[in-house]
Amino acid sequence: MFLILAIIVLGALRYFEVGPFADLSWWWVVGMMVLAFIWFEFIERMLGLDKRKAHESLQKAREERVKKTFNK
């Protein structure tokens, strides 16, 4: 998520030509986008982070169902 926020901020600073970012090449923004794509499509899957997030959400839903069932 940090990478996406950095891309948005860097893109906005470059677009509005704020301070030292006015002379920054657009290739830096494009490079960060490519890095984000590689991270979310390949590296996150290799590390299993996508499945862990899905497992945590399923576990939370299961716990809520159990609480709802037994707390009647």
PDB file of N, CA and C in Angstrom:
ATOM      1  N   MET A   1       0.813  -1.182   0.000  1.00  0.00           N
ATOM      2  CA  MET A   1       0.000   0.000   0.000  1.00  0.00           C
ATOM      3  C   MET A   1       0.867   1.260   0.000  1.00  0.00           C
ATOM      4  N   PHE A   2       1.980   1.186   0.707  1.00  0.00           N
ATOM      5  CA  PHE A   2       2.889   2.332   0.744  1.00  0.00           C
ATOM      6  C   PHE A   2       3.373   2.681  -0.655  1.00  0.00           C
ATOM      7  N   LEU A   3       3.639   1.676  -1.439  1.00  0.00           N
ATOM      8  CA  LEU A   3       4.135   1.901  -2.801  1.00  0.00           C
ATOM      9  C   LEU A   3       3.099   2.627  -3.662  1.00  0.00           C
ATOM     10  N   ILE A   4       1.856   2.281  -3.524  1.00  0.00           N
ATOM     11  CA  ILE A   4       0.802   2.938  -4.299  1.00  0.00           C
ATOM     12  C   ILE A   4       0.648   4.395  -3.876  1.00  0.00           C
ATOM     13  N   LEU A   5       0.689   4.642  -2.567  1.00  0.00           N
ATOM     14  CA  LEU A   5       0.616   6.024  -2.082  1.00  0.00           C
ATOM     15  C   LEU A   5       1.805   6.842  -2.572  1.00  0.00           C
ATOM     16  N   ALA A   6       2.991   6.241  -2.588  1.00  0.00           N
ATOM     17  CA  ALA A   6       4.174   6.937  -3.082  1.00  0.00           C
ATOM     18  C   ALA A   6       4.034   7.277  -4.561  1.00  0.00           C
ATOM     19  N   ILE A   7       3.449   6.376  -5.341  1.00  0.00           N
ATOM     20  CA  ILE A   7       3.237   6.630  -6.767  1.00  0.00           C
ATOM     21  C   ILE A   7       2.266   7.797  -6.952  1.00  0.00           C
ATOM     22  N   ILE A   8       1.201   7.815  -6.184  1.00  0.00           N
ATOM     23  CA  ILE A   8       0.209   8.880  -6.298  1.00  0.00           C
ATOM     24  C   ILE A   8       0.814  10.226  -5.918  1.00  0.00           C
ATOM     25  N   VAL A   9       1.541  10.251  -4.810  1.00  0.00           N
ATOM     26  CA  VAL A   9       2.151  11.506  -4.363  1.00  0.00           C
ATOM     27  C   VAL A   9       3.200  11.977  -5.356  1.00  0.00           C
ATOM     28  N   LEU A  10       4.065  11.076  -5.784  1.00  0.00           N
ATOM     29  CA  LEU A  10       5.109  11.453  -6.733  1.00  0.00           C
ATOM     30  C   LEU A  10       4.505  11.919  -8.057  1.00  0.00           C
ATOM     31  N   GLY A  11       3.484  11.242  -8.522  1.00  0.00           N
ATOM     32  CA  GLY A  11       2.813  11.646  -9.761  1.00  0.00           C
ATOM     33  C   GLY A  11       2.164  13.016  -9.641  1.00  0.00           C
ATOM     34  N   ALA A  12       1.518  13.258  -8.498  1.00  0.00           N
ATOM     35  CA  ALA A  12       0.880  14.569  -8.291  1.00  0.00           C
ATOM     36  C   ALA A  12       1.918  15.678  -8.191  1.00  0.00           C
ATOM     37  N   LEU A  13       2.997  15.425  -7.460  1.00  0.00           N
ATOM     38  CA  LEU A  13       4.056  16.437  -7.343  1.00  0.00           C
ATOM     39  C   LEU A  13       4.687  16.725  -8.693  1.00  0.00           C
ATOM     40  N   ARG A  14       4.864  15.699  -9.480  1.00  0.00           N
ATOM     41  CA  ARG A  14       5.449  15.891 -10.814  1.00  0.00           C
ATOM     42  C   ARG A  14       4.467  16.608 -11.736  1.00  0.00           C
ATOM     43  N   TYR A  15       3.210  16.263 -11.677  1.00  0.00           N
ATOM     44  CA  TYR A  15       2.205  16.868 -12.547  1.00  0.00           C
ATOM     45  C   TYR A  15       2.040  18.361 -12.255  1.00  0.00           C
ATOM     46  N   PHE A  16       1.993  18.696 -10.969  1.00  0.00           N
ATOM     47  CA  PHE A  16       1.820  20.093 -10.582  1.00  0.00           C
ATOM     48  C   PHE A  16       3.139  20.851 -10.491  1.00  0.00           C
ATOM     49  N   GLU A  17       4.227  20.192 -10.828  1.00  0.00           N
ATOM     50  CA  GLU A  17       5.568  20.780 -10.885  1.00  0.00           C
ATOM     51  C   GLU A  17       5.923  21.511  -9.597  1.00  0.00           C
ATOM     52  N   VAL A  18       5.878  20.774  -8.493  1.00  0.00           N
ATOM     53  CA  VAL A  18       6.168  21.319  -7.177  1.00  0.00           C
ATOM     54  C   VAL A  18       7.658  21.156  -6.876  1.00  0.00           C
ATOM     55  N   GLY A  19       8.321  22.252  -6.581  1.00  0.00           N
ATOM     56  CA  GLY A  19       9.710  22.256  -6.130  1.00  0.00           C
ATOM     57  C   GLY A  19      10.643  21.457  -7.014  1.00  0.00           C
ATOM     58  N   PRO A  20      11.458  20.600  -6.384  1.00  0.00           N
ATOM     59  CA  PRO A  20      12.446  19.835  -7.152  1.00  0.00           C
ATOM     60  C   PRO A  20      11.824  18.753  -8.048  1.00  0.00           C
ATOM     61  N   PHE A  21      10.566  18.478  -7.857  1.00  0.00           N
ATOM     62  CA  PHE A  21       9.903  17.453  -8.658  1.00  0.00           C
ATOM     63  C   PHE A  21       9.518  17.961 -10.040  1.00  0.00           C
ATOM     64  N   ALA A  22       9.632  19.254 -10.257  1.00  0.00           N
ATOM     65  CA  ALA A  22       9.297  19.830 -11.556  1.00  0.00           C
ATOM     66  C   ALA A  22      10.235  19.315 -12.646  1.00  0.00           C
ATOM     67  N   ASP A  23      11.474  19.064 -12.295  1.00  0.00           N
ATOM     68  CA  ASP A  23      12.461  18.596 -13.278  1.00  0.00           C
ATOM     69  C   ASP A  23      12.612  17.078 -13.290  1.00  0.00           C
ATOM     70  N   LEU A  24      11.850  16.390 -12.457  1.00  0.00           N
ATOM     71  CA  LEU A  24      11.932  14.941 -12.365  1.00  0.00           C
ATOM     72  C   LEU A  24      11.348  14.308 -13.623  1.00  0.00           C
ATOM     73  N   SER A  25      12.005  13.285 -14.102  1.00  0.00           N
ATOM     74  CA  SER A  25      11.526  12.595 -15.299  1.00  0.00           C
ATOM     75  C   SER A  25      10.287  11.764 -14.970  1.00  0.00           C
ATOM     76  N   TRP A  26       9.379  11.656 -15.949  1.00  0.00           N
ATOM     77  CA  TRP A  26       8.190  10.827 -15.770  1.00  0.00           C
ATOM     78  C   TRP A  26       8.556   9.356 -15.680  1.00  0.00           C
ATOM     79  N   TRP A  27       9.751   9.001 -16.116  1.00  0.00           N
ATOM     80  CA  TRP A  27      10.183   7.610 -16.054  1.00  0.00           C
ATOM     81  C   TRP A  27      10.290   7.118 -14.614  1.00  0.00           C
ATOM     82  N   TRP A  28      10.528   8.014 -13.657  1.00  0.00           N
ATOM     83  CA  TRP A  28      10.557   7.610 -12.256  1.00  0.00           C
ATOM     84  C   TRP A  28       9.167   7.141 -11.814  1.00  0.00           C
ATOM     85  N   VAL A  29       8.162   7.853 -12.234  1.00  0.00           N
ATOM     86  CA  VAL A  29       6.786   7.482 -11.878  1.00  0.00           C
ATOM     87  C   VAL A  29       6.416   6.166 -12.560  1.00  0.00           C
ATOM     88  N   VAL A  30       6.747   6.054 -13.830  1.00  0.00           N
ATOM     89  CA  VAL A  30       6.460   4.819 -14.573  1.00  0.00           C
ATOM     90  C   VAL A  30       7.228   3.648 -13.971  1.00  0.00           C
ATOM     91  N   GLY A  31       8.467   3.881 -13.586  1.00  0.00           N
ATOM     92  CA  GLY A  31       9.273   2.825 -12.961  1.00  0.00           C
ATOM     93  C   GLY A  31       8.669   2.340 -11.656  1.00  0.00           C
ATOM     94  N   MET A  32       8.148   3.272 -10.871  1.00  0.00           N
ATOM     95  CA  MET A  32       7.499   2.862  -9.626  1.00  0.00           C
ATOM     96  C   MET A  32       6.218   2.077  -9.896  1.00  0.00           C
ATOM     97  N   MET A  33       5.516   2.433 -10.973  1.00  0.00           N
ATOM     98  CA  MET A  33       4.314   1.677 -11.343  1.00  0.00           C
ATOM     99  C   MET A  33       4.678   0.248 -11.751  1.00  0.00           C
ATOM    100  N   VAL A  34       5.748   0.104 -12.490  1.00  0.00           N
ATOM    101  CA  VAL A  34       6.207  -1.224 -12.894  1.00  0.00           C
ATOM    102  C   VAL A  34       6.624  -2.024 -11.664  1.00  0.00           C
ATOM    103  N   LEU A  35       7.323  -1.374 -10.745  1.00  0.00           N
ATOM    104  CA  LEU A  35       7.724  -2.037  -9.508  1.00  0.00           C
ATOM    105  C   LEU A  35       6.508  -2.496  -8.709  1.00  0.00           C
ATOM    106  N   ALA A  36       5.472  -1.660  -8.633  1.00  0.00           N
ATOM    107  CA  ALA A  36       4.244  -2.038  -7.929  1.00  0.00           C
ATOM    108  C   ALA A  36       3.569  -3.220  -8.615  1.00  0.00           C
ATOM    109  N   PHE A  37       3.546  -3.207  -9.947  1.00  0.00           N
ATOM    110  CA  PHE A  37       2.944  -4.320 -10.678  1.00  0.00           C
ATOM    111  C   PHE A  37       3.684  -5.629 -10.386  1.00  0.00           C
ATOM    112  N   ILE A  38       4.995  -5.570 -10.441  1.00  0.00           N
ATOM    113  CA  ILE A  38       5.793  -6.774 -10.161  1.00  0.00           C
ATOM    114  C   ILE A  38       5.560  -7.251  -8.738  1.00  0.00           C
ATOM    115  N   TRP A  39       5.503  -6.312  -7.793  1.00  0.00           N
ATOM    116  CA  TRP A  39       5.288  -6.690  -6.395  1.00  0.00           C
ATOM    117  C   TRP A  39       3.943  -7.395  -6.218  1.00  0.00           C
ATOM    118  N   PHE A  40       2.863  -6.777  -6.701  1.00  0.00           N
ATOM    119  CA  PHE A  40       1.533  -7.321  -6.444  1.00  0.00           C
ATOM    120  C   PHE A  40       1.214  -8.546  -7.284  1.00  0.00           C
ATOM    121  N   GLU A  41       1.833  -8.689  -8.433  1.00  0.00           N
ATOM    122  CA  GLU A  41       1.526  -9.830  -9.286  1.00  0.00           C
ATOM    123  C   GLU A  41       2.423 -11.042  -9.029  1.00  0.00           C
ATOM    124  N   PHE A  42       3.652 -10.825  -8.635  1.00  0.00           N
ATOM    125  CA  PHE A  42       4.577 -11.948  -8.533  1.00  0.00           C
ATOM    126  C   PHE A  42       5.145 -12.151  -7.129  1.00  0.00           C
ATOM    127  N   ILE A  43       5.753 -11.135  -6.569  1.00  0.00           N
ATOM    128  CA  ILE A  43       6.458 -11.284  -5.297  1.00  0.00           C
ATOM    129  C   ILE A  43       5.488 -11.580  -4.156  1.00  0.00           C
ATOM    130  N   GLU A  44       4.358 -10.870  -4.112  1.00  0.00           N
ATOM    131  CA  GLU A  44       3.384 -11.113  -3.054  1.00  0.00           C
ATOM    132  C   GLU A  44       2.860 -12.546  -3.103  1.00  0.00           C
ATOM    133  N   ARG A  45       2.655 -13.069  -4.289  1.00  0.00           N
ATOM    134  CA  ARG A  45       2.196 -14.461  -4.427  1.00  0.00           C
ATOM    135  C   ARG A  45       3.286 -15.443  -4.009  1.00  0.00           C
ATOM    136  N   MET A  46       4.532 -15.144  -4.374  1.00  0.00           N
ATOM    137  CA  MET A  46       5.631 -16.045  -4.013  1.00  0.00           C
ATOM    138  C   MET A  46       5.799 -16.120  -2.498  1.00  0.00           C
ATOM    139  N   LEU A  47       5.576 -15.004  -1.797  1.00  0.00           N
ATOM    140  CA  LEU A  47       5.711 -14.973  -0.347  1.00  0.00           C
ATOM    141  C   LEU A  47       4.466 -15.479   0.370  1.00  0.00           C
ATOM    142  N   GLY A  48       3.381 -15.669  -0.372  1.00  0.00           N
ATOM    143  CA  GLY A  48       2.146 -16.178   0.215  1.00  0.00           C
ATOM    144  C   GLY A  48       1.340 -15.132   0.952  1.00  0.00           C
ATOM    145  N   LEU A  49       1.627 -13.871   0.727  1.00  0.00           N
ATOM    146  CA  LEU A  49       0.923 -12.808   1.448  1.00  0.00           C
ATOM    147  C   LEU A  49      -0.533 -12.694   1.031  1.00  0.00           C
ATOM    148  N   ASP A  50      -0.838 -12.984  -0.229  1.00  0.00           N
ATOM    149  CA  ASP A  50      -2.214 -12.883  -0.688  1.00  0.00           C
ATOM    150  C   ASP A  50      -3.092 -13.946  -0.032  1.00  0.00           C
ATOM    151  N   LYS A  51      -2.586 -15.152   0.129  1.00  0.00           N
ATOM    152  CA  LYS A  51      -3.366 -16.224   0.742  1.00  0.00           C
ATOM    153  C   LYS A  51      -3.517 -16.005   2.244  1.00  0.00           C
ATOM    154  N   ARG A  52      -2.504 -15.422   2.868  1.00  0.00           N
ATOM    155  CA  ARG A  52      -2.586 -15.170   4.302  1.00  0.00           C
ATOM    156  C   ARG A  52      -3.684 -14.159   4.603  1.00  0.00           C
ATOM    157  N   LYS A  53      -3.790 -13.123   3.771  1.00  0.00           N
ATOM    158  CA  LYS A  53      -4.840 -12.126   3.970  1.00  0.00           C
ATOM    159  C   LYS A  53      -6.212 -12.754   3.784  1.00  0.00           C
ATOM    160  N   ALA A  54      -6.363 -13.592   2.785  1.00  0.00           N
ATOM    161  CA  ALA A  54      -7.645 -14.254   2.543  1.00  0.00           C
ATOM    162  C   ALA A  54      -7.977 -15.192   3.695  1.00  0.00           C
ATOM    163  N   HIS A  55      -6.989 -15.920   4.208  1.00  0.00           N
ATOM    164  CA  HIS A  55      -7.204 -16.843   5.314  1.00  0.00           C
ATOM    165  C   HIS A  55      -7.622 -16.082   6.570  1.00  0.00           C
ATOM    166  N   GLU A  56      -6.995 -14.947   6.831  1.00  0.00           N
ATOM    167  CA  GLU A  56      -7.346 -14.159   8.009  1.00  0.00           C
ATOM    168  C   GLU A  56      -8.780 -13.648   7.935  1.00  0.00           C
ATOM    169  N   SER A  57      -9.208 -13.219   6.767  1.00  0.00           N
ATOM    170  CA  SER A  57     -10.580 -12.724   6.642  1.00  0.00           C
ATOM    171  C   SER A  57     -11.588 -13.863   6.796  1.00  0.00           C
ATOM    172  N   LEU A  58     -11.281 -15.042   6.267  1.00  0.00           N
ATOM    173  CA  LEU A  58     -12.176 -16.191   6.439  1.00  0.00           C
ATOM    174  C   LEU A  58     -12.235 -16.627   7.899  1.00  0.00           C
ATOM    175  N   GLN A  59     -11.100 -16.586   8.574  1.00  0.00           N
ATOM    176  CA  GLN A  59     -11.050 -16.957   9.992  1.00  0.00           C
ATOM    177  C   GLN A  59     -11.866 -15.980  10.833  1.00  0.00           C
ATOM    178  N   LYS A  60     -11.785 -14.703  10.520  1.00  0.00           N
ATOM    179  CA  LYS A  60     -12.543 -13.696  11.256  1.00  0.00           C
ATOM    180  C   LYS A  60     -14.050 -13.902  11.045  1.00  0.00           C
ATOM    181  N   ALA A  61     -14.456 -14.180   9.819  1.00  0.00           N
ATOM    182  CA  ALA A  61     -15.873 -14.428   9.537  1.00  0.00           C
ATOM    183  C   ALA A  61     -16.356 -15.676  10.274  1.00  0.00           C
ATOM    184  N   ARG A  62     -15.517 -16.694  10.325  1.00  0.00           N
ATOM    185  CA  ARG A  62     -15.875 -17.934  11.036  1.00  0.00           C
ATOM    186  C   ARG A  62     -16.074 -17.657  12.518  1.00  0.00           C
ATOM    187  N   GLU A  63     -15.151 -16.899  13.120  1.00  0.00           N
ATOM    188  CA  GLU A  63     -15.266 -16.582  14.547  1.00  0.00           C
ATOM    189  C   GLU A  63     -16.523 -15.771  14.839  1.00  0.00           C
ATOM    190  N   GLU A  64     -16.876 -14.866  13.956  1.00  0.00           N
ATOM    191  CA  GLU A  64     -18.091 -14.082  14.152  1.00  0.00           C
ATOM    192  C   GLU A  64     -19.335 -14.962  14.072  1.00  0.00           C
ATOM    193  N   ARG A  65     -19.346 -15.929  13.151  1.00  0.00           N
ATOM    194  CA  ARG A  65     -20.482 -16.853  13.048  1.00  0.00           C
ATOM    195  C   ARG A  65     -20.612 -17.689  14.312  1.00  0.00           C
ATOM    196  N   VAL A  66     -19.480 -18.151  14.837  1.00  0.00           N
ATOM    197  CA  VAL A  66     -19.515 -18.971  16.067  1.00  0.00           C
ATOM    198  C   VAL A  66     -20.029 -18.135  17.228  1.00  0.00           C
ATOM    199  N   LYS A  67     -19.558 -16.913  17.364  1.00  0.00           N
ATOM    200  CA  LYS A  67     -20.045 -16.044  18.438  1.00  0.00           C
ATOM    201  C   LYS A  67     -21.533 -15.777  18.308  1.00  0.00           C
ATOM    202  N   LYS A  68     -21.962 -15.518  17.075  1.00  0.00           N
ATOM    203  CA  LYS A  68     -23.389 -15.234  16.840  1.00  0.00           C
ATOM    204  C   LYS A  68     -24.246 -16.456  17.173  1.00  0.00           C
ATOM    205  N   THR A  69     -23.768 -17.627  16.837  1.00  0.00           N
ATOM    206  CA  THR A  69     -24.529 -18.863  17.077  1.00  0.00           C
ATOM    207  C   THR A  69     -24.638 -19.177  18.557  1.00  0.00           C
ATOM    208  N   PHE A  70     -23.548 -19.072  19.286  1.00  0.00           N
ATOM    209  CA  PHE A  70     -23.543 -19.497  20.692  1.00  0.00           C
ATOM    210  C   PHE A  70     -23.924 -18.404  21.661  1.00  0.00           C
ATOM    211  N   ASN A  71     -24.074 -17.194  21.235  1.00  0.00           N
ATOM    212  CA  ASN A  71     -24.448 -16.105  22.143  1.00  0.00           C
ATOM    213  C   ASN A  71     -25.921 -15.731  22.066  1.00  0.00           C
ATOM    214  N   LYS A  72     -26.734 -16.601  21.542  1.00  0.00           N
ATOM    215  CA  LYS A  72     -28.172 -16.329  21.440  1.00  0.00           C
ATOM    216  C   LYS A  72     -28.859 -16.449  22.753  1.00  0.00           C
TER     217      LYS A  72
END
